[in-house]
Amino acid sequence: MIYEMRIYEALPGKLPALNARFANTTLRLFERHGIVAVGFWTTYIGPSGNTLTYILAWDDLAARQQRWDAFQSDPDWQTAKAESERDGPLLAQVQSFLMKPTDYSPMQ
C-alpha cells in the first residue's frame, strides 16, 4: 500500500467552495473510480487557514495512475470543476507526496 498526501492551498475566500466541491461531487466521483480517501483536514493552527490536506490510499503506482487519469478525464468531474470555478480558480497551489509506510507504521 502507498499513500498520497495532497495539500491544497486555496485562494483567499475560496476554501468553503473547495470544501463544498469535495463534499458534493469529488467524493462521489472518487468512489466511482475506486479512489480510496483516508481522511481530510483543514489547518487548525499553522501558517495558513486556507489549506485543505487529504490522504488517499493506493494499492500501487500503476493503480494510482490508472484511477487518477480516469477521474481527471471523467466528464462529470470536468463539469463540476468548471462550475465550481465559474468565478475564478479555487487553488493557489497543489502539493502531492507519495509515501510508503515504514515497517513499524500502524498504517500499512
PDB file of N, CA and C in Angstrom:
ATOM      1  N   MET A   1       0.853  -1.180   0.000  1.00  0.00           N
ATOM      2  CA  MET A   1       0.000   0.000   0.000  1.00  0.00           C
ATOM      3  C   MET A   1       0.894   1.236   0.000  1.00  0.00           C
ATOM      4  N   ILE A   2       0.512   2.213  -0.777  1.00  0.00           N
ATOM      5  CA  ILE A   2       1.158   3.520  -0.727  1.00  0.00           C
ATOM      6  C   ILE A   2       0.075   4.553  -0.432  1.00  0.00           C
ATOM      7  N   TYR A   3       0.504   5.662   0.114  1.00  0.00           N
ATOM      8  CA  TYR A   3      -0.413   6.735   0.463  1.00  0.00           C
ATOM      9  C   TYR A   3       0.023   8.000  -0.261  1.00  0.00           C
ATOM     10  N   GLU A   4      -0.959   8.780  -0.640  1.00  0.00           N
ATOM     11  CA  GLU A   4      -0.687  10.064  -1.279  1.00  0.00           C
ATOM     12  C   GLU A   4      -1.274  11.158  -0.398  1.00  0.00           C
ATOM     13  N   MET A   5      -0.413  12.070   0.019  1.00  0.00           N
ATOM     14  CA  MET A   5      -0.867  13.239   0.755  1.00  0.00           C
ATOM     15  C   MET A   5      -0.916  14.399  -0.232  1.00  0.00           C
ATOM     16  N   ARG A   6      -2.070  15.004  -0.330  1.00  0.00           N
ATOM     17  CA  ARG A   6      -2.251  16.152  -1.224  1.00  0.00           C
ATOM     18  C   ARG A   6      -2.595  17.362  -0.359  1.00  0.00           C
ATOM     19  N   ILE A   7      -1.910  18.450  -0.611  1.00  0.00           N
ATOM     20  CA  ILE A   7      -2.110  19.687   0.145  1.00  0.00           C
ATOM     21  C   ILE A   7      -2.539  20.765  -0.838  1.00  0.00           C
ATOM     22  N   TYR A   8      -3.741  21.278  -0.621  1.00  0.00           N
ATOM     23  CA  TYR A   8      -4.300  22.309  -1.479  1.00  0.00           C
ATOM     24  C   TYR A   8      -4.321  23.625  -0.717  1.00  0.00           C
ATOM     25  N   GLU A   9      -3.688  24.610  -1.283  1.00  0.00           N
ATOM     26  CA  GLU A   9      -3.724  25.969  -0.741  1.00  0.00           C
ATOM     27  C   GLU A   9      -4.780  26.730  -1.534  1.00  0.00           C
ATOM     28  N   ALA A  10      -5.904  26.984  -0.893  1.00  0.00           N
ATOM     29  CA  ALA A  10      -6.998  27.693  -1.555  1.00  0.00           C
ATOM     30  C   ALA A  10      -6.672  29.182  -1.643  1.00  0.00           C
ATOM     31  N   LEU A  11      -7.166  29.801  -2.678  1.00  0.00           N
ATOM     32  CA  LEU A  11      -7.059  31.252  -2.778  1.00  0.00           C
ATOM     33  C   LEU A  11      -7.885  31.879  -1.660  1.00  0.00           C
ATOM     34  N   PRO A  12      -7.560  33.090  -1.232  1.00  0.00           N
ATOM     35  CA  PRO A  12      -8.307  33.725  -0.150  1.00  0.00           C
ATOM     36  C   PRO A  12      -9.818  33.713  -0.411  1.00  0.00           C
ATOM     37  N   GLY A  13     -10.558  33.256   0.576  1.00  0.00           N
ATOM     38  CA  GLY A  13     -12.010  33.217   0.495  1.00  0.00           C
ATOM     39  C   GLY A  13     -12.584  32.023  -0.267  1.00  0.00           C
ATOM     40  N   LYS A  14     -11.731  31.152  -0.825  1.00  0.00           N
ATOM     41  CA  LYS A  14     -12.206  30.054  -1.671  1.00  0.00           C
ATOM     42  C   LYS A  14     -12.258  28.695  -0.969  1.00  0.00           C
ATOM     43  N   LEU A  15     -11.774  28.598   0.281  1.00  0.00           N
ATOM     44  CA  LEU A  15     -11.785  27.310   0.965  1.00  0.00           C
ATOM     45  C   LEU A  15     -13.203  26.746   1.132  1.00  0.00           C
ATOM     46  N   PRO A  16     -14.210  27.555   1.466  1.00  0.00           N
ATOM     47  CA  PRO A  16     -15.562  26.994   1.563  1.00  0.00           C
ATOM     48  C   PRO A  16     -16.039  26.371   0.241  1.00  0.00           C
ATOM     49  N   ALA A  17     -15.737  26.999  -0.869  1.00  0.00           N
ATOM     50  CA  ALA A  17     -16.133  26.445  -2.174  1.00  0.00           C
ATOM     51  C   ALA A  17     -15.368  25.156  -2.472  1.00  0.00           C
ATOM     52  N   LEU A  18     -14.105  25.097  -2.093  1.00  0.00           N
ATOM     53  CA  LEU A  18     -13.308  23.886  -2.285  1.00  0.00           C
ATOM     54  C   LEU A  18     -13.877  22.742  -1.444  1.00  0.00           C
ATOM     55  N   ASN A  19     -14.182  23.021  -0.188  1.00  0.00           N
ATOM     56  CA  ASN A  19     -14.776  22.002   0.681  1.00  0.00           C
ATOM     57  C   ASN A  19     -16.132  21.540   0.139  1.00  0.00           C
ATOM     58  N   ALA A  20     -16.921  22.453  -0.368  1.00  0.00           N
ATOM     59  CA  ALA A  20     -18.220  22.092  -0.933  1.00  0.00           C
ATOM     60  C   ALA A  20     -18.052  21.202  -2.163  1.00  0.00           C
ATOM     61  N   ARG A  21     -17.062  21.501  -2.988  1.00  0.00           N
ATOM     62  CA  ARG A  21     -16.836  20.676  -4.172  1.00  0.00           C
ATOM     63  C   ARG A  21     -16.478  19.242  -3.778  1.00  0.00           C
ATOM     64  N   PHE A  22     -15.622  19.091  -2.765  1.00  0.00           N
ATOM     65  CA  PHE A  22     -15.296  17.746  -2.291  1.00  0.00           C
ATOM     66  C   PHE A  22     -16.532  17.052  -1.732  1.00  0.00           C
ATOM     67  N   ALA A  23     -17.257  17.732  -0.865  1.00  0.00           N
ATOM     68  CA  ALA A  23     -18.410  17.124  -0.191  1.00  0.00           C
ATOM     69  C   ALA A  23     -19.525  16.761  -1.162  1.00  0.00           C
ATOM     70  N   ASN A  24     -19.771  17.607  -2.143  1.00  0.00           N
ATOM     71  CA  ASN A  24     -20.924  17.435  -3.016  1.00  0.00           C
ATOM     72  C   ASN A  24     -20.650  16.664  -4.298  1.00  0.00           C
ATOM     73  N   THR A  25     -19.389  16.595  -4.727  1.00  0.00           N
ATOM     74  CA  THR A  25     -19.095  15.976  -6.019  1.00  0.00           C
ATOM     75  C   THR A  25     -17.874  15.069  -5.995  1.00  0.00           C
ATOM     76  N   THR A  26     -16.749  15.597  -5.538  1.00  0.00           N
ATOM     77  CA  THR A  26     -15.481  14.882  -5.684  1.00  0.00           C
ATOM     78  C   THR A  26     -15.501  13.524  -5.001  1.00  0.00           C
ATOM     79  N   LEU A  27     -16.000  13.442  -3.786  1.00  0.00           N
ATOM     80  CA  LEU A  27     -16.006  12.155  -3.078  1.00  0.00           C
ATOM     81  C   LEU A  27     -16.829  11.099  -3.807  1.00  0.00           C
ATOM     82  N   ARG A  28     -17.944  11.490  -4.366  1.00  0.00           N
ATOM     83  CA  ARG A  28     -18.770  10.554  -5.138  1.00  0.00           C
ATOM     84  C   ARG A  28     -18.003  10.056  -6.366  1.00  0.00           C
ATOM     85  N   LEU A  29     -17.279  10.961  -7.012  1.00  0.00           N
ATOM     86  CA  LEU A  29     -16.504  10.576  -8.190  1.00  0.00           C
ATOM     87  C   LEU A  29     -15.282   9.735  -7.804  1.00  0.00           C
ATOM     88  N   PHE A  30     -14.668  10.052  -6.659  1.00  0.00           N
ATOM     89  CA  PHE A  30     -13.586   9.192  -6.171  1.00  0.00           C
ATOM     90  C   PHE A  30     -14.099   7.764  -6.029  1.00  0.00           C
ATOM     91  N   GLU A  31     -15.255   7.610  -5.407  1.00  0.00           N
ATOM     92  CA  GLU A  31     -15.827   6.278  -5.196  1.00  0.00           C
ATOM     93  C   GLU A  31     -16.076   5.588  -6.534  1.00  0.00           C
ATOM     94  N   ARG A  32     -16.615   6.315  -7.485  1.00  0.00           N
ATOM     95  CA  ARG A  32     -16.890   5.765  -8.818  1.00  0.00           C
ATOM     96  C   ARG A  32     -15.623   5.189  -9.451  1.00  0.00           C
ATOM     97  N   HIS A  33     -14.500   5.847  -9.208  1.00  0.00           N
ATOM     98  CA  HIS A  33     -13.243   5.449  -9.845  1.00  0.00           C
ATOM     99  C   HIS A  33     -12.354   4.595  -8.947  1.00  0.00           C
ATOM    100  N   GLY A  34     -12.875   4.155  -7.811  1.00  0.00           N
ATOM    101  CA  GLY A  34     -12.105   3.279  -6.935  1.00  0.00           C
ATOM    102  C   GLY A  34     -10.987   3.974  -6.190  1.00  0.00           C
ATOM    103  N   ILE A  35     -11.111   5.279  -5.995  1.00  0.00           N
ATOM    104  CA  ILE A  35     -10.117   6.056  -5.257  1.00  0.00           C
ATOM    105  C   ILE A  35     -10.516   6.057  -3.789  1.00  0.00           C
ATOM    106  N   VAL A  36      -9.615   5.588  -2.937  1.00  0.00           N
ATOM    107  CA  VAL A  36      -9.906   5.435  -1.508  1.00  0.00           C
ATOM    108  C   VAL A  36      -9.359   6.640  -0.738  1.00  0.00           C
ATOM    109  N   ALA A  37     -10.272   7.413  -0.167  1.00  0.00           N
ATOM    110  CA  ALA A  37      -9.889   8.560   0.660  1.00  0.00           C
ATOM    111  C   ALA A  37      -9.738   8.097   2.101  1.00  0.00           C
ATOM    112  N   VAL A  38      -8.582   8.381   2.704  1.00  0.00           N
ATOM    113  CA  VAL A  38      -8.317   8.017   4.099  1.00  0.00           C
ATOM    114  C   VAL A  38      -8.848   9.090   5.038  1.00  0.00           C
ATOM    115  N   GLY A  39      -8.683  10.351   4.677  1.00  0.00           N
ATOM    116  CA  GLY A  39      -9.153  11.436   5.532  1.00  0.00           C
ATOM    117  C   GLY A  39      -8.869  12.801   4.930  1.00  0.00           C
ATOM    118  N   PHE A  40      -9.568  13.792   5.467  1.00  0.00           N
ATOM    119  CA  PHE A  40      -9.454  15.184   5.020  1.00  0.00           C
ATOM    120  C   PHE A  40      -9.302  16.077   6.243  1.00  0.00           C
ATOM    121  N   TRP A  41      -8.461  17.090   6.125  1.00  0.00           N
ATOM    122  CA  TRP A  41      -8.220  18.005   7.231  1.00  0.00           C
ATOM    123  C   TRP A  41      -8.075  19.428   6.705  1.00  0.00           C
ATOM    124  N   THR A  42      -8.578  20.380   7.475  1.00  0.00           N
ATOM    125  CA  THR A  42      -8.240  21.783   7.255  1.00  0.00           C
ATOM    126  C   THR A  42      -7.267  22.171   8.361  1.00  0.00           C
ATOM    127  N   THR A  43      -6.470  23.163   8.081  1.00  0.00           N
ATOM    128  CA  THR A  43      -5.463  23.574   9.053  1.00  0.00           C
ATOM    129  C   THR A  43      -6.135  24.338  10.182  1.00  0.00           C
ATOM    130  N   TYR A  44      -5.928  23.834  11.389  1.00  0.00           N
ATOM    131  CA  TYR A  44      -6.482  24.450  12.598  1.00  0.00           C
ATOM    132  C   TYR A  44      -5.517  25.499  13.133  1.00  0.00           C
ATOM    133  N   ILE A  45      -4.260  25.116  13.277  1.00  0.00           N
ATOM    134  CA  ILE A  45      -3.197  26.035  13.675  1.00  0.00           C
ATOM    135  C   ILE A  45      -2.032  25.780  12.724  1.00  0.00           C
ATOM    136  N   GLY A  46      -1.544  26.807  12.116  1.00  0.00           N
ATOM    137  CA  GLY A  46      -0.441  26.657  11.172  1.00  0.00           C
ATOM    138  C   GLY A  46      -0.274  27.905  10.339  1.00  0.00           C
ATOM    139  N   PRO A  47       0.575  27.808   9.342  1.00  0.00           N
ATOM    140  CA  PRO A  47       0.914  29.008   8.576  1.00  0.00           C
ATOM    141  C   PRO A  47      -0.224  29.569   7.733  1.00  0.00           C
ATOM    142  N   SER A  48      -1.244  28.736   7.384  1.00  0.00           N
ATOM    143  CA  SER A  48      -2.333  29.229   6.546  1.00  0.00           C
ATOM    144  C   SER A  48      -3.645  28.576   6.945  1.00  0.00           C
ATOM    145  N   GLY A  49      -4.672  29.371   7.051  1.00  0.00           N
ATOM    146  CA  GLY A  49      -6.009  28.854   7.309  1.00  0.00           C
ATOM    147  C   GLY A  49      -6.754  28.516   6.034  1.00  0.00           C
ATOM    148  N   ASN A  50      -6.069  28.606   4.895  1.00  0.00           N
ATOM    149  CA  ASN A  50      -6.686  28.318   3.598  1.00  0.00           C
ATOM    150  C   ASN A  50      -6.239  26.972   3.041  1.00  0.00           C
ATOM    151  N   THR A  51      -5.834  26.055   3.917  1.00  0.00           N
ATOM    152  CA  THR A  51      -5.251  24.794   3.469  1.00  0.00           C
ATOM    153  C   THR A  51      -6.183  23.617   3.728  1.00  0.00           C
ATOM    154  N   LEU A  52      -6.336  22.789   2.691  1.00  0.00           N
ATOM    155  CA  LEU A  52      -7.017  21.508   2.797  1.00  0.00           C
ATOM    156  C   LEU A  52      -5.981  20.426   2.522  1.00  0.00           C
ATOM    157  N   THR A  53      -5.837  19.498   3.452  1.00  0.00           N
ATOM    158  CA  THR A  53      -4.914  18.371   3.291  1.00  0.00           C
ATOM    159  C   THR A  53      -5.738  17.096   3.298  1.00  0.00           C
ATOM    160  N   TYR A  54      -5.419  16.201   2.366  1.00  0.00           N
ATOM    161  CA  TYR A  54      -6.102  14.915   2.392  1.00  0.00           C
ATOM    162  C   TYR A  54      -5.149  13.811   1.981  1.00  0.00           C
ATOM    163  N   ILE A  55      -5.524  12.577   2.359  1.00  0.00           N
ATOM    164  CA  ILE A  55      -4.695  11.407   2.081  1.00  0.00           C
ATOM    165  C   ILE A  55      -5.532  10.371   1.348  1.00  0.00           C
ATOM    166  N   LEU A  56      -4.944   9.827   0.291  1.00  0.00           N
ATOM    167  CA  LEU A  56      -5.540   8.757  -0.493  1.00  0.00           C
ATOM    168  C   LEU A  56      -4.704   7.498  -0.329  1.00  0.00           C
ATOM    169  N   ALA A  57      -5.335   6.331  -0.402  1.00  0.00           N
ATOM    170  CA  ALA A  57      -4.634   5.052  -0.315  1.00  0.00           C
ATOM    171  C   ALA A  57      -4.666   4.384  -1.682  1.00  0.00           C
ATOM    172  N   TRP A  58      -3.520   3.866  -2.093  1.00  0.00           N
ATOM    173  CA  TRP A  58      -3.384   3.203  -3.396  1.00  0.00           C
ATOM    174  C   TRP A  58      -2.741   1.835  -3.209  1.00  0.00           C
ATOM    175  N   ASP A  59      -3.166   0.875  -4.017  1.00  0.00           N
ATOM    176  CA  ASP A  59      -2.535  -0.445  -3.989  1.00  0.00           C
ATOM    177  C   ASP A  59      -1.100  -0.371  -4.500  1.00  0.00           C
ATOM    178  N   ASP A  60      -0.897   0.398  -5.566  1.00  0.00           N
ATOM    179  CA  ASP A  60       0.432   0.545  -6.162  1.00  0.00           C
ATOM    180  C   ASP A  60       0.406   1.745  -7.113  1.00  0.00           C
ATOM    181  N   LEU A  61       1.554   2.070  -7.680  1.00  0.00           N
ATOM    182  CA  LEU A  61       1.650   3.247  -8.551  1.00  0.00           C
ATOM    183  C   LEU A  61       0.834   3.087  -9.836  1.00  0.00           C
ATOM    184  N   ALA A  62       0.784   1.868 -10.362  1.00  0.00           N
ATOM    185  CA  ALA A  62       0.022   1.644 -11.593  1.00  0.00           C
ATOM    186  C   ALA A  62      -1.462   1.888 -11.363  1.00  0.00           C
ATOM    187  N   ALA A  63      -1.989   1.388 -10.243  1.00  0.00           N
ATOM    188  CA  ALA A  63      -3.396   1.619  -9.917  1.00  0.00           C
ATOM    189  C   ALA A  63      -3.660   3.103  -9.733  1.00  0.00           C
ATOM    190  N   ARG A  64      -2.743   3.788  -9.063  1.00  0.00           N
ATOM    191  CA  ARG A  64      -2.901   5.232  -8.867  1.00  0.00           C
ATOM    192  C   ARG A  64      -3.007   5.947 -10.210  1.00  0.00           C
ATOM    193  N   GLN A  65      -2.090   5.640 -11.116  1.00  0.00           N
ATOM    194  CA  GLN A  65      -2.069   6.317 -12.413  1.00  0.00           C
ATOM    195  C   GLN A  65      -3.360   6.062 -13.185  1.00  0.00           C
ATOM    196  N   GLN A  66      -3.782   4.819 -13.228  1.00  0.00           N
ATOM    197  CA  GLN A  66      -4.983   4.458 -13.983  1.00  0.00           C
ATOM    198  C   GLN A  66      -6.217   5.129 -13.394  1.00  0.00           C
ATOM    199  N   ARG A  67      -6.373   5.061 -12.086  1.00  0.00           N
ATOM    200  CA  ARG A  67      -7.576   5.611 -11.448  1.00  0.00           C
ATOM    201  C   ARG A  67      -7.584   7.138 -11.467  1.00  0.00           C
ATOM    202  N   TRP A  68      -6.414   7.738 -11.250  1.00  0.00           N
ATOM    203  CA  TRP A  68      -6.343   9.204 -11.252  1.00  0.00           C
ATOM    204  C   TRP A  68      -6.619   9.744 -12.653  1.00  0.00           C
ATOM    205  N   ASP A  69      -6.054   9.089 -13.672  1.00  0.00           N
ATOM    206  CA  ASP A  69      -6.299   9.516 -15.054  1.00  0.00           C
ATOM    207  C   ASP A  69      -7.782   9.399 -15.401  1.00  0.00           C
ATOM    208  N   ALA A  70      -8.411   8.293 -14.987  1.00  0.00           N
ATOM    209  CA  ALA A  70      -9.839   8.113 -15.261  1.00  0.00           C
ATOM    210  C   ALA A  70     -10.668   9.184 -14.564  1.00  0.00           C
ATOM    211  N   PHE A  71     -10.317   9.492 -13.329  1.00  0.00           N
ATOM    212  CA  PHE A  71     -11.028  10.544 -12.585  1.00  0.00           C
ATOM    213  C   PHE A  71     -10.873  11.887 -13.304  1.00  0.00           C
ATOM    214  N   GLN A  72      -9.645  12.251 -13.629  1.00  0.00           N
ATOM    215  CA  GLN A  72      -9.383  13.548 -14.258  1.00  0.00           C
ATOM    216  C   GLN A  72     -10.109  13.712 -15.598  1.00  0.00           C
ATOM    217  N   SER A  73     -10.284  12.617 -16.329  1.00  0.00           N
ATOM    218  CA  SER A  73     -10.928  12.711 -17.638  1.00  0.00           C
ATOM    219  C   SER A  73     -12.447  12.486 -17.578  1.00  0.00           C
ATOM    220  N   ASP A  74     -12.985  12.216 -16.398  1.00  0.00           N
ATOM    221  CA  ASP A  74     -14.422  11.989 -16.234  1.00  0.00           C
ATOM    222  C   ASP A  74     -15.180  13.280 -16.574  1.00  0.00           C
ATOM    223  N   PRO A  75     -16.121  13.221 -17.514  1.00  0.00           N
ATOM    224  CA  PRO A  75     -16.876  14.428 -17.877  1.00  0.00           C
ATOM    225  C   PRO A  75     -17.619  15.055 -16.698  1.00  0.00           C
ATOM    226  N   ASP A  76     -18.094  14.229 -15.754  1.00  0.00           N
ATOM    227  CA  ASP A  76     -18.772  14.787 -14.581  1.00  0.00           C
ATOM    228  C   ASP A  76     -17.805  15.598 -13.723  1.00  0.00           C
ATOM    229  N   TRP A  77     -16.551  15.140 -13.607  1.00  0.00           N
ATOM    230  CA  TRP A  77     -15.546  15.896 -12.865  1.00  0.00           C
ATOM    231  C   TRP A  77     -15.231  17.203 -13.589  1.00  0.00           C
ATOM    232  N   GLN A  78     -15.046  17.125 -14.898  1.00  0.00           N
ATOM    233  CA  GLN A  78     -14.709  18.325 -15.661  1.00  0.00           C
ATOM    234  C   GLN A  78     -15.820  19.365 -15.561  1.00  0.00           C
ATOM    235  N   THR A  79     -17.065  18.915 -15.585  1.00  0.00           N
ATOM    236  CA  THR A  79     -18.194  19.832 -15.446  1.00  0.00           C
ATOM    237  C   THR A  79     -18.241  20.438 -14.045  1.00  0.00           C
ATOM    238  N   ALA A  80     -18.093  19.594 -13.027  1.00  0.00           N
ATOM    239  CA  ALA A  80     -18.134  20.083 -11.641  1.00  0.00           C
ATOM    240  C   ALA A  80     -16.999  21.063 -11.377  1.00  0.00           C
ATOM    241  N   LYS A  81     -15.819  20.761 -11.869  1.00  0.00           N
ATOM    242  CA  LYS A  81     -14.673  21.656 -11.681  1.00  0.00           C
ATOM    243  C   LYS A  81     -14.944  23.004 -12.349  1.00  0.00           C
ATOM    244  N   ALA A  82     -15.418  22.962 -13.591  1.00  0.00           N
ATOM    245  CA  ALA A  82     -15.697  24.203 -14.313  1.00  0.00           C
ATOM    246  C   ALA A  82     -16.778  25.025 -13.606  1.00  0.00           C
ATOM    247  N   GLU A  83     -17.826  24.371 -13.139  1.00  0.00           N
ATOM    248  CA  GLU A  83     -18.902  25.086 -12.447  1.00  0.00           C
ATOM    249  C   GLU A  83     -18.410  25.705 -11.140  1.00  0.00           C
ATOM    250  N   SER A  84     -17.568  24.967 -10.402  1.00  0.00           N
ATOM    251  CA  SER A  84     -17.083  25.489  -9.123  1.00  0.00           C
ATOM    252  C   SER A  84     -16.081  26.623  -9.313  1.00  0.00           C
ATOM    253  N   GLU A  85     -15.502  26.703 -10.498  1.00  0.00           N
ATOM    254  CA  GLU A  85     -14.520  27.755 -10.784  1.00  0.00           C
ATOM    255  C   GLU A  85     -15.086  28.829 -11.711  1.00  0.00           C
ATOM    256  N   ARG A  86     -16.400  28.896 -11.785  1.00  0.00           N
ATOM    257  CA  ARG A  86     -17.078  29.871 -12.644  1.00  0.00           C
ATOM    258  C   ARG A  86     -16.646  31.307 -12.310  1.00  0.00           C
ATOM    259  N   ASP A  87     -16.390  31.580 -11.017  1.00  0.00           N
ATOM    260  CA  ASP A  87     -15.975  32.920 -10.599  1.00  0.00           C
ATOM    261  C   ASP A  87     -14.464  33.025 -10.411  1.00  0.00           C
ATOM    262  N   GLY A  88     -13.726  32.065 -10.953  1.00  0.00           N
ATOM    263  CA  GLY A  88     -12.275  32.069 -10.849  1.00  0.00           C
ATOM    264  C   GLY A  88     -11.773  30.806 -10.172  1.00  0.00           C
ATOM    265  N   PRO A  89     -10.486  30.550 -10.305  1.00  0.00           N
ATOM    266  CA  PRO A  89      -9.910  29.327  -9.729  1.00  0.00           C
ATOM    267  C   PRO A  89     -10.028  29.300  -8.211  1.00  0.00           C
ATOM    268  N   LEU A  90     -10.046  28.082  -7.665  1.00  0.00           N
ATOM    269  CA  LEU A  90     -10.132  27.906  -6.217  1.00  0.00           C
ATOM    270  C   LEU A  90      -8.752  27.748  -5.581  1.00  0.00           C
ATOM    271  N   LEU A  91      -7.785  27.276  -6.340  1.00  0.00           N
ATOM    272  CA  LEU A  91      -6.492  26.893  -5.770  1.00  0.00           C
ATOM    273  C   LEU A  91      -5.358  27.817  -6.182  1.00  0.00           C
ATOM    274  N   ALA A  92      -4.510  28.112  -5.208  1.00  0.00           N
ATOM    275  CA  ALA A  92      -3.284  28.852  -5.474  1.00  0.00           C
ATOM    276  C   ALA A  92      -2.130  27.885  -5.723  1.00  0.00           C
ATOM    277  N   GLN A  93      -2.169  26.731  -5.042  1.00  0.00           N
ATOM    278  CA  GLN A  93      -1.068  25.780  -5.127  1.00  0.00           C
ATOM    279  C   GLN A  93      -1.551  24.389  -4.740  1.00  0.00           C
ATOM    280  N   VAL A  94      -0.967  23.372  -5.388  1.00  0.00           N
ATOM    281  CA  VAL A  94      -1.231  21.973  -5.061  1.00  0.00           C
ATOM    282  C   VAL A  94       0.109  21.278  -4.852  1.00  0.00           C
ATOM    283  N   GLN A  95       0.213  20.538  -3.754  1.00  0.00           N
ATOM    284  CA  GLN A  95       1.381  19.705  -3.499  1.00  0.00           C
ATOM    285  C   GLN A  95       0.914  18.267  -3.365  1.00  0.00           C
ATOM    286  N   SER A  96       1.727  17.345  -3.850  1.00  0.00           N
ATOM    287  CA  SER A  96       1.399  15.932  -3.758  1.00  0.00           C
ATOM    288  C   SER A  96       2.647  15.169  -3.333  1.00  0.00           C
ATOM    289  N   PHE A  97       2.476  14.289  -2.335  1.00  0.00           N
ATOM    290  CA  PHE A  97       3.559  13.462  -1.822  1.00  0.00           C
ATOM    291  C   PHE A  97       3.105  12.016  -1.830  1.00  0.00           C
ATOM    292  N   LEU A  98       3.858  11.138  -2.484  1.00  0.00           N
ATOM    293  CA  LEU A  98       3.577   9.704  -2.441  1.00  0.00           C
ATOM    294  C   LEU A  98       4.451   9.117  -1.354  1.00  0.00           C
ATOM    295  N   MET A  99       3.812   8.398  -0.423  1.00  0.00           N
ATOM    296  CA  MET A  99       4.508   7.930   0.770  1.00  0.00           C
ATOM    297  C   MET A  99       4.335   6.419   0.924  1.00  0.00           C
ATOM    298  N   LYS A 100       5.404   5.777   1.380  1.00  0.00           N
ATOM    299  CA  LYS A 100       5.379   4.345   1.649  1.00  0.00           C
ATOM    300  C   LYS A 100       5.546   4.175   3.152  1.00  0.00           C
ATOM    301  N   PRO A 101       4.695   3.375   3.800  1.00  0.00           N
ATOM    302  CA  PRO A 101       4.803   3.212   5.249  1.00  0.00           C
ATOM    303  C   PRO A 101       6.113   2.516   5.658  1.00  0.00           C
ATOM    304  N   THR A 102       6.608   2.912   6.793  1.00  0.00           N
ATOM    305  CA  THR A 102       7.761   2.202   7.384  1.00  0.00           C
ATOM    306  C   THR A 102       7.280   0.860   7.921  1.00  0.00           C
ATOM    307  N   ASP A 103       8.211  -0.008   8.220  1.00  0.00           N
ATOM    308  CA  ASP A 103       7.863  -1.325   8.775  1.00  0.00           C
ATOM    309  C   ASP A 103       7.116  -1.217  10.100  1.00  0.00           C
ATOM    310  N   TYR A 104       7.370  -0.150  10.843  1.00  0.00           N
ATOM    311  CA  TYR A 104       6.783  -0.003  12.172  1.00  0.00           C
ATOM    312  C   TYR A 104       5.546   0.906  12.170  1.00  0.00           C
ATOM    313  N   SER A 105       5.089   1.308  11.008  1.00  0.00           N
ATOM    314  CA  SER A 105       3.922   2.182  10.926  1.00  0.00           C
ATOM    315  C   SER A 105       2.644   1.411  11.261  1.00  0.00           C
ATOM    316  N   PRO A 106       1.755   1.987  12.096  1.00  0.00           N
ATOM    317  CA  PRO A 106       0.468   1.344  12.359  1.00  0.00           C
ATOM    318  C   PRO A 106      -0.375   1.190  11.085  1.00  0.00           C
ATOM    319  N   MET A 107      -0.210   2.131  10.147  1.00  0.00           N
ATOM    320  CA  MET A 107      -0.921   2.038   8.862  1.00  0.00           C
ATOM    321  C   MET A 107       0.001   1.384   7.858  1.00  0.00           C
ATOM    322  N   GLN A 108      -0.431   0.299   7.308  1.00  0.00           N
ATOM    323  CA  GLN A 108       0.363  -0.382   6.289  1.00  0.00           C
ATOM    324  C   GLN A 108      -0.388  -0.317   4.985  1.00  0.00           C
TER     325      GLN A 108
END
